[in-house]
Amino acid sequence: LDPRIRQSLIFLAATRAFFPIERIGIGEG
């Protein structure tokens, strides 16, 4: 239920058809 992980999953699902993401981590701020 970690919101950061859930946001990452939503972003992966929304972009997988047109932009292959290899990694999601924590950036600045």
mmCIF file of all heavy atoms, coordinates in Angstrom:
data_MODEL
# 
_entry.id   MODEL 
# 
loop_
_atom_site.group_PDB 
_atom_site.id 
_atom_site.type_symbol 
_atom_site.label_atom_id 
_atom_site.label_alt_id 
_atom_site.label_comp_id 
_atom_site.label_asym_id 
_atom_site.label_entity_id 
_atom_site.label_seq_id 
_atom_site.pdbx_PDB_ins_code 
_atom_site.Cartn_x 
_atom_site.Cartn_y 
_atom_site.Cartn_z 
_atom_site.occupancy 
_atom_site.B_iso_or_equiv 
_atom_site.pdbx_formal_charge 
_atom_site.auth_seq_id 
_atom_site.auth_comp_id 
_atom_site.auth_asym_id 
_atom_site.auth_atom_id 
_atom_site.pdbx_PDB_model_num 
ATOM 1   N N   . LEU A 1 1  ? 0.801  -1.222 0.000   1.00 0.00 ? 1  LEU A N   1 
ATOM 2   C CA  . LEU A 1 1  ? 0.000  0.000  0.000   1.00 0.00 ? 1  LEU A CA  1 
ATOM 3   C C   . LEU A 1 1  ? 0.835  1.275  0.000   1.00 0.00 ? 1  LEU A C   1 
ATOM 4   O O   . LEU A 1 1  ? 0.279  2.370  0.043   1.00 0.00 ? 1  LEU A O   1 
ATOM 5   C CB  . LEU A 1 1  ? -0.936 0.000  1.219   1.00 0.00 ? 1  LEU A CB  1 
ATOM 6   C CG  . LEU A 1 1  ? -1.978 -1.120 1.267   1.00 0.00 ? 1  LEU A CG  1 
ATOM 7   C CD1 . LEU A 1 1  ? -2.774 -1.065 2.566   1.00 0.00 ? 1  LEU A CD1 1 
ATOM 8   C CD2 . LEU A 1 1  ? -2.911 -1.035 0.059   1.00 0.00 ? 1  LEU A CD2 1 
ATOM 9   N N   . ASP A 1 2  ? 2.152  1.148  -0.040  1.00 0.00 ? 2  ASP A N   1 
ATOM 10  C CA  . ASP A 1 2  ? 3.018  2.325  -0.066  1.00 0.00 ? 2  ASP A CA  1 
ATOM 11  C C   . ASP A 1 2  ? 2.609  3.209  -1.255  1.00 0.00 ? 2  ASP A C   1 
ATOM 12  O O   . ASP A 1 2  ? 2.651  2.757  -2.412  1.00 0.00 ? 2  ASP A O   1 
ATOM 13  C CB  . ASP A 1 2  ? 4.475  1.872  -0.215  1.00 0.00 ? 2  ASP A CB  1 
ATOM 14  C CG  . ASP A 1 2  ? 5.454  3.025  -0.047  1.00 0.00 ? 2  ASP A CG  1 
ATOM 15  O OD1 . ASP A 1 2  ? 5.258  4.079  -0.693  1.00 0.00 ? 2  ASP A OD1 1 
ATOM 16  O OD2 . ASP A 1 2  ? 6.433  2.865  0.707   1.00 0.00 ? 2  ASP A OD2 1 
ATOM 17  N N   . PRO A 1 3  ? 2.218  4.463  -1.023  1.00 0.00 ? 3  PRO A N   1 
ATOM 18  C CA  . PRO A 1 3  ? 1.718  5.311  -2.119  1.00 0.00 ? 3  PRO A CA  1 
ATOM 19  C C   . PRO A 1 3  ? 2.744  5.556  -3.218  1.00 0.00 ? 3  PRO A C   1 
ATOM 20  O O   . PRO A 1 3  ? 2.384  5.716  -4.389  1.00 0.00 ? 3  PRO A O   1 
ATOM 21  C CB  . PRO A 1 3  ? 1.329  6.618  -1.418  1.00 0.00 ? 3  PRO A CB  1 
ATOM 22  C CG  . PRO A 1 3  ? 2.035  6.597  -0.110  1.00 0.00 ? 3  PRO A CG  1 
ATOM 23  C CD  . PRO A 1 3  ? 2.148  5.157  0.270   1.00 0.00 ? 3  PRO A CD  1 
ATOM 24  N N   . ARG A 1 4  ? 4.030  5.577  -2.886  1.00 0.00 ? 4  ARG A N   1 
ATOM 25  C CA  . ARG A 1 4  ? 5.054  5.792  -3.905  1.00 0.00 ? 4  ARG A CA  1 
ATOM 26  C C   . ARG A 1 4  ? 5.115  4.610  -4.872  1.00 0.00 ? 4  ARG A C   1 
ATOM 27  O O   . ARG A 1 4  ? 5.288  4.781  -6.081  1.00 0.00 ? 4  ARG A O   1 
ATOM 28  C CB  . ARG A 1 4  ? 6.411  5.991  -3.232  1.00 0.00 ? 4  ARG A CB  1 
ATOM 29  C CG  . ARG A 1 4  ? 6.471  7.175  -2.268  1.00 0.00 ? 4  ARG A CG  1 
ATOM 30  C CD  . ARG A 1 4  ? 7.732  7.112  -1.425  1.00 0.00 ? 4  ARG A CD  1 
ATOM 31  N NE  . ARG A 1 4  ? 7.787  5.862  -0.664  1.00 0.00 ? 4  ARG A NE  1 
ATOM 32  C CZ  . ARG A 1 4  ? 8.863  5.431  -0.017  1.00 0.00 ? 4  ARG A CZ  1 
ATOM 33  N NH1 . ARG A 1 4  ? 9.993  6.155  -0.060  1.00 0.00 ? 4  ARG A NH1 1 
ATOM 34  N NH2 . ARG A 1 4  ? 8.843  4.296  0.657   1.00 0.00 ? 4  ARG A NH2 1 
ATOM 35  N N   . ILE A 1 5  ? 4.960  3.418  -4.324  1.00 0.00 ? 5  ILE A N   1 
ATOM 36  C CA  . ILE A 1 5  ? 4.984  2.214  -5.164  1.00 0.00 ? 5  ILE A CA  1 
ATOM 37  C C   . ILE A 1 5  ? 3.717  2.117  -6.002  1.00 0.00 ? 5  ILE A C   1 
ATOM 38  O O   . ILE A 1 5  ? 3.753  1.760  -7.187  1.00 0.00 ? 5  ILE A O   1 
ATOM 39  C CB  . ILE A 1 5  ? 5.179  0.965  -4.283  1.00 0.00 ? 5  ILE A CB  1 
ATOM 40  C CG1 . ILE A 1 5  ? 6.562  1.027  -3.621  1.00 0.00 ? 5  ILE A CG1 1 
ATOM 41  C CG2 . ILE A 1 5  ? 5.032  -0.315 -5.104  1.00 0.00 ? 5  ILE A CG2 1 
ATOM 42  C CD1 . ILE A 1 5  ? 6.801  -0.016 -2.574  1.00 0.00 ? 5  ILE A CD1 1 
ATOM 43  N N   . ARG A 1 6  ? 2.610  2.498  -5.425  1.00 0.00 ? 6  ARG A N   1 
ATOM 44  C CA  . ARG A 1 6  ? 1.350  2.459  -6.164  1.00 0.00 ? 6  ARG A CA  1 
ATOM 45  C C   . ARG A 1 6  ? 1.373  3.488  -7.310  1.00 0.00 ? 6  ARG A C   1 
ATOM 46  O O   . ARG A 1 6  ? 0.889  3.220  -8.411  1.00 0.00 ? 6  ARG A O   1 
ATOM 47  C CB  . ARG A 1 6  ? 0.177  2.689  -5.225  1.00 0.00 ? 6  ARG A CB  1 
ATOM 48  C CG  . ARG A 1 6  ? 0.054  1.606  -4.154  1.00 0.00 ? 6  ARG A CG  1 
ATOM 49  C CD  . ARG A 1 6  ? -1.180 1.785  -3.289  1.00 0.00 ? 6  ARG A CD  1 
ATOM 50  N NE  . ARG A 1 6  ? -2.385 1.486  -4.044  1.00 0.00 ? 6  ARG A NE  1 
ATOM 51  C CZ  . ARG A 1 6  ? -2.847 0.259  -4.256  1.00 0.00 ? 6  ARG A CZ  1 
ATOM 52  N NH1 . ARG A 1 6  ? -2.193 -0.801 -3.802  1.00 0.00 ? 6  ARG A NH1 1 
ATOM 53  N NH2 . ARG A 1 6  ? -3.964 0.064  -4.931  1.00 0.00 ? 6  ARG A NH2 1 
ATOM 54  N N   . GLN A 1 7  ? 1.936  4.662  -7.060  1.00 0.00 ? 7  GLN A N   1 
ATOM 55  C CA  . GLN A 1 7  ? 2.077  5.660  -8.111  1.00 0.00 ? 7  GLN A CA  1 
ATOM 56  C C   . GLN A 1 7  ? 3.003  5.156  -9.223  1.00 0.00 ? 7  GLN A C   1 
ATOM 57  O O   . GLN A 1 7  ? 2.752  5.385  -10.403 1.00 0.00 ? 7  GLN A O   1 
ATOM 58  C CB  . GLN A 1 7  ? 2.636  6.970  -7.529  1.00 0.00 ? 7  GLN A CB  1 
ATOM 59  C CG  . GLN A 1 7  ? 1.659  7.725  -6.635  1.00 0.00 ? 7  GLN A CG  1 
ATOM 60  C CD  . GLN A 1 7  ? 0.591  8.451  -7.447  1.00 0.00 ? 7  GLN A CD  1 
ATOM 61  O OE1 . GLN A 1 7  ? -0.357 7.834  -7.940  1.00 0.00 ? 7  GLN A OE1 1 
ATOM 62  N NE2 . GLN A 1 7  ? 0.747  9.743  -7.605  1.00 0.00 ? 7  GLN A NE2 1 
ATOM 63  N N   . SER A 1 8  ? 4.050  4.463  -8.823  1.00 0.00 ? 8  SER A N   1 
ATOM 64  C CA  . SER A 1 8  ? 4.978  3.903  -9.807  1.00 0.00 ? 8  SER A CA  1 
ATOM 65  C C   . SER A 1 8  ? 4.274  2.882  -10.699 1.00 0.00 ? 8  SER A C   1 
ATOM 66  O O   . SER A 1 8  ? 4.477  2.855  -11.921 1.00 0.00 ? 8  SER A O   1 
ATOM 67  C CB  . SER A 1 8  ? 6.163  3.237  -9.100  1.00 0.00 ? 8  SER A CB  1 
ATOM 68  O OG  . SER A 1 8  ? 6.889  4.175  -8.331  1.00 0.00 ? 8  SER A OG  1 
ATOM 69  N N   . LEU A 1 9  ? 3.441  2.042  -10.101 1.00 0.00 ? 9  LEU A N   1 
ATOM 70  C CA  . LEU A 1 9  ? 2.712  1.032  -10.867 1.00 0.00 ? 9  LEU A CA  1 
ATOM 71  C C   . LEU A 1 9  ? 1.721  1.673  -11.828 1.00 0.00 ? 9  LEU A C   1 
ATOM 72  O O   . LEU A 1 9  ? 1.550  1.213  -12.968 1.00 0.00 ? 9  LEU A O   1 
ATOM 73  C CB  . LEU A 1 9  ? 1.994  0.076  -9.915  1.00 0.00 ? 9  LEU A CB  1 
ATOM 74  C CG  . LEU A 1 9  ? 2.900  -0.885 -9.132  1.00 0.00 ? 9  LEU A CG  1 
ATOM 75  C CD1 . LEU A 1 9  ? 2.112  -1.589 -8.036  1.00 0.00 ? 9  LEU A CD1 1 
ATOM 76  C CD2 . LEU A 1 9  ? 3.529  -1.912 -10.071 1.00 0.00 ? 9  LEU A CD2 1 
ATOM 77  N N   . ILE A 1 10 ? 1.055  2.719  -11.375 1.00 0.00 ? 10 ILE A N   1 
ATOM 78  C CA  . ILE A 1 10 ? 0.112  3.428  -12.254 1.00 0.00 ? 10 ILE A CA  1 
ATOM 79  C C   . ILE A 1 10 ? 0.855  4.018  -13.442 1.00 0.00 ? 10 ILE A C   1 
ATOM 80  O O   . ILE A 1 10 ? 0.388  3.949  -14.591 1.00 0.00 ? 10 ILE A O   1 
ATOM 81  C CB  . ILE A 1 10 ? -0.630 4.529  -11.468 1.00 0.00 ? 10 ILE A CB  1 
ATOM 82  C CG1 . ILE A 1 10 ? -1.557 3.901  -10.409 1.00 0.00 ? 10 ILE A CG1 1 
ATOM 83  C CG2 . ILE A 1 10 ? -1.445 5.412  -12.406 1.00 0.00 ? 10 ILE A CG2 1 
ATOM 84  C CD1 . ILE A 1 10 ? -2.177 4.911  -9.464  1.00 0.00 ? 10 ILE A CD1 1 
ATOM 85  N N   . PHE A 1 11 ? 2.020  4.588  -13.170 1.00 0.00 ? 11 PHE A N   1 
ATOM 86  C CA  . PHE A 1 11 ? 2.805  5.198  -14.248 1.00 0.00 ? 11 PHE A CA  1 
ATOM 87  C C   . PHE A 1 11 ? 3.305  4.134  -15.230 1.00 0.00 ? 11 PHE A C   1 
ATOM 88  O O   . PHE A 1 11 ? 3.275  4.332  -16.450 1.00 0.00 ? 11 PHE A O   1 
ATOM 89  C CB  . PHE A 1 11 ? 3.984  5.974  -13.657 1.00 0.00 ? 11 PHE A CB  1 
ATOM 90  C CG  . PHE A 1 11 ? 4.658  6.891  -14.630 1.00 0.00 ? 11 PHE A CG  1 
ATOM 91  C CD1 . PHE A 1 11 ? 4.015  8.038  -15.083 1.00 0.00 ? 11 PHE A CD1 1 
ATOM 92  C CD2 . PHE A 1 11 ? 5.931  6.615  -15.113 1.00 0.00 ? 11 PHE A CD2 1 
ATOM 93  C CE1 . PHE A 1 11 ? 4.626  8.886  -15.993 1.00 0.00 ? 11 PHE A CE1 1 
ATOM 94  C CE2 . PHE A 1 11 ? 6.554  7.457  -16.018 1.00 0.00 ? 11 PHE A CE2 1 
ATOM 95  C CZ  . PHE A 1 11 ? 5.895  8.599  -16.464 1.00 0.00 ? 11 PHE A CZ  1 
ATOM 96  N N   . LEU A 1 12 ? 3.738  2.996  -14.706 1.00 0.00 ? 12 LEU A N   1 
ATOM 97  C CA  . LEU A 1 12 ? 4.178  1.904  -15.577 1.00 0.00 ? 12 LEU A CA  1 
ATOM 98  C C   . LEU A 1 12 ? 3.041  1.418  -16.469 1.00 0.00 ? 12 LEU A C   1 
ATOM 99  O O   . LEU A 1 12 ? 3.229  1.187  -17.671 1.00 0.00 ? 12 LEU A O   1 
ATOM 100 C CB  . LEU A 1 12 ? 4.705  0.741  -14.729 1.00 0.00 ? 12 LEU A CB  1 
ATOM 101 C CG  . LEU A 1 12 ? 6.100  0.880  -14.126 1.00 0.00 ? 12 LEU A CG  1 
ATOM 102 C CD1 . LEU A 1 12 ? 6.387  -0.290 -13.194 1.00 0.00 ? 12 LEU A CD1 1 
ATOM 103 C CD2 . LEU A 1 12 ? 7.156  0.946  -15.224 1.00 0.00 ? 12 LEU A CD2 1 
ATOM 104 N N   . ALA A 1 13 ? 1.852  1.243  -15.877 1.00 0.00 ? 13 ALA A N   1 
ATOM 105 C CA  . ALA A 1 13 ? 0.706  0.761  -16.649 1.00 0.00 ? 13 ALA A CA  1 
ATOM 106 C C   . ALA A 1 13 ? 0.303  1.755  -17.727 1.00 0.00 ? 13 ALA A C   1 
ATOM 107 O O   . ALA A 1 13 ? -0.109 1.373  -18.827 1.00 0.00 ? 13 ALA A O   1 
ATOM 108 C CB  . ALA A 1 13 ? -0.469 0.483  -15.709 1.00 0.00 ? 13 ALA A CB  1 
ATOM 109 N N   . ALA A 1 14 ? 0.438  3.049  -17.414 1.00 0.00 ? 14 ALA A N   1 
ATOM 110 C CA  . ALA A 1 14 ? 0.002  4.085  -18.356 1.00 0.00 ? 14 ALA A CA  1 
ATOM 111 C C   . ALA A 1 14 ? 0.995  4.307  -19.493 1.00 0.00 ? 14 ALA A C   1 
ATOM 112 O O   . ALA A 1 14 ? 0.616  4.829  -20.551 1.00 0.00 ? 14 ALA A O   1 
ATOM 113 C CB  . ALA A 1 14 ? -0.229 5.398  -17.610 1.00 0.00 ? 14 ALA A CB  1 
ATOM 114 N N   . THR A 1 15 ? 2.265  3.916  -19.299 1.00 0.00 ? 15 THR A N   1 
ATOM 115 C CA  . THR A 1 15 ? 3.291  4.206  -20.307 1.00 0.00 ? 15 THR A CA  1 
ATOM 116 C C   . THR A 1 15 ? 3.807  2.974  -21.048 1.00 0.00 ? 15 THR A C   1 
ATOM 117 O O   . THR A 1 15 ? 4.520  3.117  -22.037 1.00 0.00 ? 15 THR A O   1 
ATOM 118 C CB  . THR A 1 15 ? 4.504  4.894  -19.651 1.00 0.00 ? 15 THR A CB  1 
ATOM 119 O OG1 . THR A 1 15 ? 5.024  4.038  -18.613 1.00 0.00 ? 15 THR A OG1 1 
ATOM 120 C CG2 . THR A 1 15 ? 4.116  6.237  -19.059 1.00 0.00 ? 15 THR A CG2 1 
ATOM 121 N N   . ARG A 1 16 ? 3.455  1.782  -20.615 1.00 0.00 ? 16 ARG A N   1 
ATOM 122 C CA  . ARG A 1 16 ? 4.084  0.587  -21.186 1.00 0.00 ? 16 ARG A CA  1 
ATOM 123 C C   . ARG A 1 16 ? 3.802  0.408  -22.680 1.00 0.00 ? 16 ARG A C   1 
ATOM 124 O O   . ARG A 1 16 ? 4.572  -0.247 -23.382 1.00 0.00 ? 16 ARG A O   1 
ATOM 125 C CB  . ARG A 1 16 ? 3.638  -0.661 -20.419 1.00 0.00 ? 16 ARG A CB  1 
ATOM 126 C CG  . ARG A 1 16 ? 2.154  -0.923 -20.420 1.00 0.00 ? 16 ARG A CG  1 
ATOM 127 C CD  . ARG A 1 16 ? 1.819  -2.115 -19.547 1.00 0.00 ? 16 ARG A CD  1 
ATOM 128 N NE  . ARG A 1 16 ? 0.392  -2.197 -19.285 1.00 0.00 ? 16 ARG A NE  1 
ATOM 129 C CZ  . ARG A 1 16 ? -0.151 -3.093 -18.456 1.00 0.00 ? 16 ARG A CZ  1 
ATOM 130 N NH1 . ARG A 1 16 ? 0.636  -3.957 -17.830 1.00 0.00 ? 16 ARG A NH1 1 
ATOM 131 N NH2 . ARG A 1 16 ? -1.450 -3.112 -18.253 1.00 0.00 ? 16 ARG A NH2 1 
ATOM 132 N N   . ALA A 1 17 ? 2.688  0.970  -23.165 1.00 0.00 ? 17 ALA A N   1 
ATOM 133 C CA  . ALA A 1 17 ? 2.336  0.780  -24.573 1.00 0.00 ? 17 ALA A CA  1 
ATOM 134 C C   . ALA A 1 17 ? 3.189  1.627  -25.511 1.00 0.00 ? 17 ALA A C   1 
ATOM 135 O O   . ALA A 1 17 ? 3.329  1.293  -26.692 1.00 0.00 ? 17 ALA A O   1 
ATOM 136 C CB  . ALA A 1 17 ? 0.851  1.102  -24.789 1.00 0.00 ? 17 ALA A CB  1 
ATOM 137 N N   . PHE A 1 18 ? 3.793  2.717  -24.987 1.00 0.00 ? 18 PHE A N   1 
ATOM 138 C CA  . PHE A 1 18 ? 4.526  3.616  -25.889 1.00 0.00 ? 18 PHE A CA  1 
ATOM 139 C C   . PHE A 1 18 ? 5.911  4.001  -25.385 1.00 0.00 ? 18 PHE A C   1 
ATOM 140 O O   . PHE A 1 18 ? 6.706  4.583  -26.139 1.00 0.00 ? 18 PHE A O   1 
ATOM 141 C CB  . PHE A 1 18 ? 3.714  4.902  -26.130 1.00 0.00 ? 18 PHE A CB  1 
ATOM 142 C CG  . PHE A 1 18 ? 3.455  5.715  -24.894 1.00 0.00 ? 18 PHE A CG  1 
ATOM 143 C CD1 . PHE A 1 18 ? 4.356  6.686  -24.473 1.00 0.00 ? 18 PHE A CD1 1 
ATOM 144 C CD2 . PHE A 1 18 ? 2.307  5.514  -24.141 1.00 0.00 ? 18 PHE A CD2 1 
ATOM 145 C CE1 . PHE A 1 18 ? 4.127  7.427  -23.332 1.00 0.00 ? 18 PHE A CE1 1 
ATOM 146 C CE2 . PHE A 1 18 ? 2.068  6.271  -23.010 1.00 0.00 ? 18 PHE A CE2 1 
ATOM 147 C CZ  . PHE A 1 18 ? 2.966  7.223  -22.594 1.00 0.00 ? 18 PHE A CZ  1 
ATOM 148 N N   . PHE A 1 19 ? 6.231  3.701  -24.115 1.00 0.00 ? 19 PHE A N   1 
ATOM 149 C CA  . PHE A 1 19 ? 7.545  4.081  -23.591 1.00 0.00 ? 19 PHE A CA  1 
ATOM 150 C C   . PHE A 1 19 ? 8.015  3.013  -22.601 1.00 0.00 ? 19 PHE A C   1 
ATOM 151 O O   . PHE A 1 19 ? 7.518  2.938  -21.475 1.00 0.00 ? 19 PHE A O   1 
ATOM 152 C CB  . PHE A 1 19 ? 7.486  5.446  -22.906 1.00 0.00 ? 19 PHE A CB  1 
ATOM 153 C CG  . PHE A 1 19 ? 8.831  5.937  -22.423 1.00 0.00 ? 19 PHE A CG  1 
ATOM 154 C CD1 . PHE A 1 19 ? 9.766  6.414  -23.328 1.00 0.00 ? 19 PHE A CD1 1 
ATOM 155 C CD2 . PHE A 1 19 ? 9.150  5.895  -21.080 1.00 0.00 ? 19 PHE A CD2 1 
ATOM 156 C CE1 . PHE A 1 19 ? 11.005 6.856  -22.891 1.00 0.00 ? 19 PHE A CE1 1 
ATOM 157 C CE2 . PHE A 1 19 ? 10.391 6.335  -20.629 1.00 0.00 ? 19 PHE A CE2 1 
ATOM 158 C CZ  . PHE A 1 19 ? 11.320 6.819  -21.545 1.00 0.00 ? 19 PHE A CZ  1 
ATOM 159 N N   . PRO A 1 20 ? 8.960  2.170  -22.984 1.00 0.00 ? 20 PRO A N   1 
ATOM 160 C CA  . PRO A 1 20 ? 9.432  1.096  -22.102 1.00 0.00 ? 20 PRO A CA  1 
ATOM 161 C C   . PRO A 1 20 ? 10.309 1.624  -20.973 1.00 0.00 ? 20 PRO A C   1 
ATOM 162 O O   . PRO A 1 20 ? 11.454 2.034  -21.202 1.00 0.00 ? 20 PRO A O   1 
ATOM 163 C CB  . PRO A 1 20 ? 10.227 0.185  -23.041 1.00 0.00 ? 20 PRO A CB  1 
ATOM 164 C CG  . PRO A 1 20 ? 10.681 1.094  -24.149 1.00 0.00 ? 20 PRO A CG  1 
ATOM 165 C CD  . PRO A 1 20 ? 9.608  2.132  -24.309 1.00 0.00 ? 20 PRO A CD  1 
ATOM 166 N N   . ILE A 1 21 ? 9.763  1.624  -19.774 1.00 0.00 ? 21 ILE A N   1 
ATOM 167 C CA  . ILE A 1 21 ? 10.512 2.087  -18.603 1.00 0.00 ? 21 ILE A CA  1 
ATOM 168 C C   . ILE A 1 21 ? 11.307 0.919  -18.023 1.00 0.00 ? 21 ILE A C   1 
ATOM 169 O O   . ILE A 1 21 ? 10.775 -0.178 -17.852 1.00 0.00 ? 21 ILE A O   1 
ATOM 170 C CB  . ILE A 1 21 ? 9.563  2.675  -17.545 1.00 0.00 ? 21 ILE A CB  1 
ATOM 171 C CG1 . ILE A 1 21 ? 8.949  3.983  -18.077 1.00 0.00 ? 21 ILE A CG1 1 
ATOM 172 C CG2 . ILE A 1 21 ? 10.288 2.935  -16.229 1.00 0.00 ? 21 ILE A CG2 1 
ATOM 173 C CD1 . ILE A 1 21 ? 7.929  4.594  -17.156 1.00 0.00 ? 21 ILE A CD1 1 
ATOM 174 N N   . GLU A 1 22 ? 12.559 1.183  -17.721 1.00 0.00 ? 22 GLU A N   1 
ATOM 175 C CA  . GLU A 1 22 ? 13.429 0.148  -17.173 1.00 0.00 ? 22 GLU A CA  1 
ATOM 176 C C   . GLU A 1 22 ? 13.502 0.205  -15.648 1.00 0.00 ? 22 GLU A C   1 
ATOM 177 O O   . GLU A 1 22 ? 13.631 -0.835 -14.994 1.00 0.00 ? 22 GLU A O   1 
ATOM 178 C CB  . GLU A 1 22 ? 14.839 0.287  -17.755 1.00 0.00 ? 22 GLU A CB  1 
ATOM 179 C CG  . GLU A 1 22 ? 14.872 0.150  -19.275 1.00 0.00 ? 22 GLU A CG  1 
ATOM 180 C CD  . GLU A 1 22 ? 16.182 0.587  -19.861 1.00 0.00 ? 22 GLU A CD  1 
ATOM 181 O OE1 . GLU A 1 22 ? 17.082 0.999  -19.077 1.00 0.00 ? 22 GLU A OE1 1 
ATOM 182 O OE2 . GLU A 1 22 ? 16.343 0.539  -21.095 1.00 0.00 ? 22 GLU A OE2 1 
ATOM 183 N N   . ARG A 1 23 ? 13.409 1.423  -15.120 1.00 0.00 ? 23 ARG A N   1 
ATOM 184 C CA  . ARG A 1 23 ? 13.597 1.564  -13.672 1.00 0.00 ? 23 ARG A CA  1 
ATOM 185 C C   . ARG A 1 23 ? 12.869 2.796  -13.164 1.00 0.00 ? 23 ARG A C   1 
ATOM 186 O O   . ARG A 1 23 ? 12.828 3.831  -13.844 1.00 0.00 ? 23 ARG A O   1 
ATOM 187 C CB  . ARG A 1 23 ? 15.084 1.678  -13.331 1.00 0.00 ? 23 ARG A CB  1 
ATOM 188 C CG  . ARG A 1 23 ? 15.422 1.698  -11.845 1.00 0.00 ? 23 ARG A CG  1 
ATOM 189 C CD  . ARG A 1 23 ? 16.940 1.853  -11.659 1.00 0.00 ? 23 ARG A CD  1 
ATOM 190 N NE  . ARG A 1 23 ? 17.333 1.732  -10.268 1.00 0.00 ? 23 ARG A NE  1 
ATOM 191 C CZ  . ARG A 1 23 ? 17.303 2.736  -9.392  1.00 0.00 ? 23 ARG A CZ  1 
ATOM 192 N NH1 . ARG A 1 23 ? 16.900 3.952  -9.790  1.00 0.00 ? 23 ARG A NH1 1 
ATOM 193 N NH2 . ARG A 1 23 ? 17.683 2.559  -8.143  1.00 0.00 ? 23 ARG A NH2 1 
ATOM 194 N N   . ILE A 1 24 ? 12.284 2.671  -11.968 1.00 0.00 ? 24 ILE A N   1 
ATOM 195 C CA  . ILE A 1 24 ? 11.702 3.824  -11.276 1.00 0.00 ? 24 ILE A CA  1 
ATOM 196 C C   . ILE A 1 24 ? 12.296 3.873  -9.874  1.00 0.00 ? 24 ILE A C   1 
ATOM 197 O O   . ILE A 1 24 ? 12.276 2.876  -9.137  1.00 0.00 ? 24 ILE A O   1 
ATOM 198 C CB  . ILE A 1 24 ? 10.162 3.739  -11.186 1.00 0.00 ? 24 ILE A CB  1 
ATOM 199 C CG1 . ILE A 1 24 ? 9.539  3.817  -12.580 1.00 0.00 ? 24 ILE A CG1 1 
ATOM 200 C CG2 . ILE A 1 24 ? 9.613  4.871  -10.322 1.00 0.00 ? 24 ILE A CG2 1 
ATOM 201 C CD1 . ILE A 1 24 ? 8.026  3.752  -12.576 1.00 0.00 ? 24 ILE A CD1 1 
ATOM 202 N N   . GLY A 1 25 ? 12.842 5.026  -9.529  1.00 0.00 ? 25 GLY A N   1 
ATOM 203 C CA  . GLY A 1 25 ? 13.398 5.213  -8.190  1.00 0.00 ? 25 GLY A CA  1 
ATOM 204 C C   . GLY A 1 25 ? 12.966 6.562  -7.649  1.00 0.00 ? 25 GLY A C   1 
ATOM 205 O O   . GLY A 1 25 ? 12.059 7.210  -8.180  1.00 0.00 ? 25 GLY A O   1 
ATOM 206 N N   . ILE A 1 26 ? 13.607 6.973  -6.573  1.00 0.00 ? 26 ILE A N   1 
ATOM 207 C CA  . ILE A 1 26 ? 13.289 8.252  -5.946  1.00 0.00 ? 26 ILE A CA  1 
ATOM 208 C C   . ILE A 1 26 ? 14.314 9.285  -6.404  1.00 0.00 ? 26 ILE A C   1 
ATOM 209 O O   . ILE A 1 26 ? 15.521 9.078  -6.302  1.00 0.00 ? 26 ILE A O   1 
ATOM 210 C CB  . ILE A 1 26 ? 13.297 8.140  -4.412  1.00 0.00 ? 26 ILE A CB  1 
ATOM 211 C CG1 . ILE A 1 26 ? 12.242 7.129  -3.953  1.00 0.00 ? 26 ILE A CG1 1 
ATOM 212 C CG2 . ILE A 1 26 ? 13.043 9.505  -3.776  1.00 0.00 ? 26 ILE A CG2 1 
ATOM 213 C CD1 . ILE A 1 26 ? 10.815 7.520  -4.303  1.00 0.00 ? 26 ILE A CD1 1 
ATOM 214 N N   . GLY A 1 27 ? 13.814 10.413 -6.944  1.00 0.00 ? 27 GLY A N   1 
ATOM 215 C CA  . GLY A 1 27 ? 14.691 11.490 -7.383  1.00 0.00 ? 27 GLY A CA  1 
ATOM 216 C C   . GLY A 1 27 ? 14.783 12.584 -6.335  1.00 0.00 ? 27 GLY A C   1 
ATOM 217 O O   . GLY A 1 27 ? 14.490 12.377 -5.154  1.00 0.00 ? 27 GLY A O   1 
ATOM 218 N N   . GLU A 1 28 ? 15.161 13.770 -6.772  1.00 0.00 ? 28 GLU A N   1 
ATOM 219 C CA  . GLU A 1 28 ? 15.298 14.895 -5.854  1.00 0.00 ? 28 GLU A CA  1 
ATOM 220 C C   . GLU A 1 28 ? 13.921 15.331 -5.344  1.00 0.00 ? 28 GLU A C   1 
ATOM 221 O O   . GLU A 1 28 ? 12.920 15.275 -6.067  1.00 0.00 ? 28 GLU A O   1 
ATOM 222 C CB  . GLU A 1 28 ? 15.986 16.057 -6.563  1.00 0.00 ? 28 GLU A CB  1 
ATOM 223 C CG  . GLU A 1 28 ? 17.425 15.763 -6.967  1.00 0.00 ? 28 GLU A CG  1 
ATOM 224 C CD  . GLU A 1 28 ? 18.074 16.957 -7.642  1.00 0.00 ? 28 GLU A CD  1 
ATOM 225 O OE1 . GLU A 1 28 ? 17.408 18.013 -7.727  1.00 0.00 ? 28 GLU A OE1 1 
ATOM 226 O OE2 . GLU A 1 28 ? 19.236 16.837 -8.070  1.00 0.00 ? 28 GLU A OE2 1 
ATOM 227 N N   . GLY A 1 29 ? 13.897 15.761 -4.100  1.00 0.00 ? 29 GLY A N   1 
ATOM 228 C CA  . GLY A 1 29 ? 12.645 16.232 -3.508  1.00 0.00 ? 29 GLY A CA  1 
ATOM 229 C C   . GLY A 1 29 ? 11.600 15.146 -3.387  1.00 0.00 ? 29 GLY A C   1 
ATOM 230 O O   . GLY A 1 29 ? 10.395 15.420 -3.432  1.00 0.00 ? 29 GLY A O   1 
# 
